[in-house]
C-alpha atoms as a PDB file:
ATOM      1  CA  UNK A   1      -0.056  -0.011   0.026  1.00  0.00           C
ATOM      2  CA  UNK A   2       1.427   3.417  -0.998  1.00  0.00           C
ATOM      3  CA  UNK A   3       1.331   6.206   1.582  1.00  0.00           C
ATOM      4  CA  UNK A   4       3.028   9.586   1.988  1.00  0.00           C
ATOM      5  CA  UNK A   5       4.666  10.318   5.259  1.00  0.00           C
ATOM      6  CA  UNK A   6       3.829  14.085   5.015  1.00  0.00           C
ATOM      7  CA  UNK A   7       0.062  13.634   3.922  1.00  0.00           C
ATOM      8  CA  UNK A   8      -2.819  14.145   6.225  1.00  0.00           C
ATOM      9  CA  UNK A   9      -0.939  15.876   8.963  1.00  0.00           C
ATOM     10  CA  UNK A  10      -2.753  17.179  11.914  1.00  0.00           C
ATOM     11  CA  UNK A  11      -2.053  20.894  12.700  1.00  0.00           C
ATOM     12  CA  UNK A  12      -2.726  20.819  16.368  1.00  0.00           C
ATOM     13  CA  UNK A  13      -2.283  18.014  18.851  1.00  0.00           C
ATOM     14  CA  UNK A  14      -2.513  17.709  22.684  1.00  0.00           C
ATOM     15  CA  UNK A  15       0.343  15.222  22.547  1.00  0.00           C
ATOM     16  CA  UNK A  16       2.749  13.797  20.005  1.00  0.00           C
ATOM     17  CA  UNK A  17       1.159  11.426  17.483  1.00  0.00           C
ATOM     18  CA  UNK A  18       3.160   8.235  17.151  1.00  0.00           C
ATOM     19  CA  UNK A  19       2.336   5.708  14.365  1.00  0.00           C
ATOM     20  CA  UNK A  20       4.173   2.417  13.794  1.00  0.00           C
ATOM     21  CA  UNK A  21       4.826   2.042  10.129  1.00  0.00           C
ATOM     22  CA  UNK A  22       6.782  -1.268  10.203  1.00  0.00           C
ATOM     23  CA  UNK A  23       7.415  -3.739  13.000  1.00  0.00           C
ATOM     24  CA  UNK A  24       9.383  -6.802  11.655  1.00  0.00           C
ATOM     25  CA  UNK A  25      12.464  -8.771  12.445  1.00  0.00           C
ATOM     26  CA  UNK A  26      13.560  -6.786  15.357  1.00  0.00           C
ATOM     27  CA  UNK A  27      13.056  -3.392  13.698  1.00  0.00           C
ATOM     28  CA  UNK A  28      10.485  -0.928  14.352  1.00  0.00           C
ATOM     29  CA  UNK A  29       9.858   2.115  12.229  1.00  0.00           C
ATOM     30  CA  UNK A  30       7.645   4.982  13.465  1.00  0.00           C
ATOM     31  CA  UNK A  31       6.324   8.261  12.200  1.00  0.00           C
ATOM     32  CA  UNK A  32       6.070  10.811  14.962  1.00  0.00           C
ATOM     33  CA  UNK A  33       4.212  14.154  14.531  1.00  0.00           C
ATOM     34  CA  UNK A  34       4.800  17.087  16.873  1.00  0.00           C
ATOM     35  CA  UNK A  35       3.073  20.459  16.972  1.00  0.00           C
ATOM     36  CA  UNK A  36       5.008  22.136  19.730  1.00  0.00           C
ATOM     37  CA  UNK A  37       5.360  19.253  22.123  1.00  0.00           C
ATOM     38  CA  UNK A  38       8.537  18.584  24.241  1.00  0.00           C
ATOM     39  CA  UNK A  39       9.746  16.517  27.018  1.00  0.00           C
ATOM     40  CA  UNK A  40       9.188  17.609  30.597  1.00  0.00           C
ATOM     41  CA  UNK A  41      12.291  19.224  32.121  1.00  0.00           C
ATOM     42  CA  UNK A  42      13.347  16.052  34.086  1.00  0.00           C
ATOM     43  CA  UNK A  43      11.930  13.571  31.607  1.00  0.00           C
ATOM     44  CA  UNK A  44      14.814  11.573  29.826  1.00  0.00           C
ATOM     45  CA  UNK A  45      14.495   8.686  27.313  1.00  0.00           C
ATOM     46  CA  UNK A  46      16.831   5.872  28.180  1.00  0.00           C
ATOM     47  CA  UNK A  47      15.787   3.040  26.053  1.00  0.00           C
ATOM     48  CA  UNK A  48      17.186  -0.511  25.546  1.00  0.00           C
ATOM     49  CA  UNK A  49      17.068  -0.021  21.721  1.00  0.00           C
ATOM     50  CA  UNK A  50      19.278   1.791  19.230  1.00  0.00           C
ATOM     51  CA  UNK A  51      17.418   4.726  17.578  1.00  0.00           C
ATOM     52  CA  UNK A  52      18.076   6.555  14.309  1.00  0.00           C
ATOM     53  CA  UNK A  53      15.779   9.522  13.827  1.00  0.00           C
ATOM     54  CA  UNK A  54      15.389  11.673  10.713  1.00  0.00           C
ATOM     55  CA  UNK A  55      13.530  14.971  10.810  1.00  0.00           C
ATOM     56  CA  UNK A  56      11.425  15.032   7.658  1.00  0.00           C
ATOM     57  CA  UNK A  57       9.691  18.425   8.273  1.00  0.00           C
ATOM     58  CA  UNK A  58       9.732  21.169  10.780  1.00  0.00           C
ATOM     59  CA  UNK A  59      12.317  21.888  13.326  1.00  0.00           C
ATOM     60  CA  UNK A  60      13.359  20.448  16.784  1.00  0.00           C
ATOM     61  CA  UNK A  61      15.987  20.612  19.441  1.00  0.00           C
ATOM     62  CA  UNK A  62      17.274  17.560  21.296  1.00  0.00           C
ATOM     63  CA  UNK A  63      19.124  17.489  24.565  1.00  0.00           C
ATOM     64  CA  UNK A  64      21.604  14.613  24.525  1.00  0.00           C
ATOM     65  CA  UNK A  65      23.757  13.383  27.294  1.00  0.00           C
ATOM     66  CA  UNK A  66      27.180  12.238  25.993  1.00  0.00           C
ATOM     67  CA  UNK A  67      29.922  10.122  27.703  1.00  0.00           C
ATOM     68  CA  UNK A  68      30.871  11.633  31.106  1.00  0.00           C
ATOM     69  CA  UNK A  69      27.427  13.120  31.547  1.00  0.00           C
ATOM     70  CA  UNK A  70      28.074  16.084  29.388  1.00  0.00           C
ATOM     71  CA  UNK A  71      24.849  17.489  27.901  1.00  0.00           C
ATOM     72  CA  UNK A  72      24.538  19.209  24.570  1.00  0.00           C
ATOM     73  CA  UNK A  73      21.658  20.749  22.616  1.00  0.00           C
ATOM     74  CA  UNK A  74      21.369  19.566  18.932  1.00  0.00           C
ATOM     75  CA  UNK A  75      19.243  21.605  16.571  1.00  0.00           C
ATOM     76  CA  UNK A  76      17.458  19.584  13.856  1.00  0.00           C
ATOM     77  CA  UNK A  77      16.023  21.012  10.556  1.00  0.00           C
ATOM     78  CA  UNK A  78      14.273  19.186   7.671  1.00  0.00           C
ATOM     79  CA  UNK A  79      16.723  16.367   6.435  1.00  0.00           C
ATOM     80  CA  UNK A  80      18.964  16.293   9.587  1.00  0.00           C
ATOM     81  CA  UNK A  81      19.361  12.945  11.284  1.00  0.00           C
ATOM     82  CA  UNK A  82      20.877  11.610  14.504  1.00  0.00           C
ATOM     83  CA  UNK A  83      21.940   8.212  15.741  1.00  0.00           C
ATOM     84  CA  UNK A  84      21.266   7.528  19.477  1.00  0.00           C
ATOM     85  CA  UNK A  85      22.810   4.213  20.687  1.00  0.00           C
ATOM     86  CA  UNK A  86      20.893   2.280  23.322  1.00  0.00           C
ATOM     87  CA  UNK A  87      20.926   3.965  26.734  1.00  0.00           C
ATOM     88  CA  UNK A  88      22.132   7.310  25.320  1.00  0.00           C
ATOM     89  CA  UNK A  89      19.945   9.606  27.412  1.00  0.00           C
ATOM     90  CA  UNK A  90      18.124  12.280  25.386  1.00  0.00           C
ATOM     91  CA  UNK A  91      15.086  14.395  25.470  1.00  0.00           C
ATOM     92  CA  UNK A  92      13.086  16.635  23.229  1.00  0.00           C
ATOM     93  CA  UNK A  93      13.815  20.218  24.353  1.00  0.00           C
ATOM     94  CA  UNK A  94      11.664  21.826  21.717  1.00  0.00           C
ATOM     95  CA  UNK A  95       9.607  21.365  18.617  1.00  0.00           C
ATOM     96  CA  UNK A  96       8.300  24.156  16.360  1.00  0.00           C
ATOM     97  CA  UNK A  97       4.857  25.140  17.374  1.00  0.00           C
ATOM     98  CA  UNK A  98       4.228  27.186  14.243  1.00  0.00           C
ATOM     99  CA  UNK A  99       4.648  24.405  11.748  1.00  0.00           C
ATOM    100  CA  UNK A 100       4.223  20.581  11.943  1.00  0.00           C
ATOM    101  CA  UNK A 101       7.384  18.633  12.791  1.00  0.00           C
ATOM    102  CA  UNK A 102       7.509  15.161  11.343  1.00  0.00           C
ATOM    103  CA  UNK A 103      10.016  12.529  12.551  1.00  0.00           C
ATOM    104  CA  UNK A 104      10.888   9.197  11.165  1.00  0.00           C
ATOM    105  CA  UNK A 105      12.443   7.039  13.857  1.00  0.00           C
ATOM    106  CA  UNK A 106      13.955   3.460  13.362  1.00  0.00           C
ATOM    107  CA  UNK A 107      14.678   1.336  16.391  1.00  0.00           C
ATOM    108  CA  UNK A 108      16.510  -1.942  16.697  1.00  0.00           C
ATOM    109  CA  UNK A 109      18.154  -3.967  19.428  1.00  0.00           C
ATOM    110  CA  UNK A 110      22.055  -3.814  19.818  1.00  0.00           C
ATOM    111  CA  UNK A 111      23.910  -6.813  18.671  1.00  0.00           C
ATOM    112  CA  UNK A 112      24.090  -9.700  21.138  1.00  0.00           C
ATOM    113  CA  UNK A 113      20.672  -9.008  22.754  1.00  0.00           C
END
């Protein structure tokens, strides 16, 4: 079935919209739509899976915790992508509230798990 990841986008959401596109053979691909949502100040993702995320539309800022506990803000624009290995703590600091932000996220388990 043919679908367009940028079609039928909501313009206002009370929370992010997360839609699984593919779940097979240990890989999960998801479309995430944001309209200004962000993580709570002390809410960090610390997941067991590796994650690769591509910003298809809009703009966002991630806060990522690197080795040694250093934190860095990373601004993303359309076309930017980021790899987050398992247990790399991160959070969504900001998404653009004036335009829809669309993410494509791919998750998979690290080798040996």
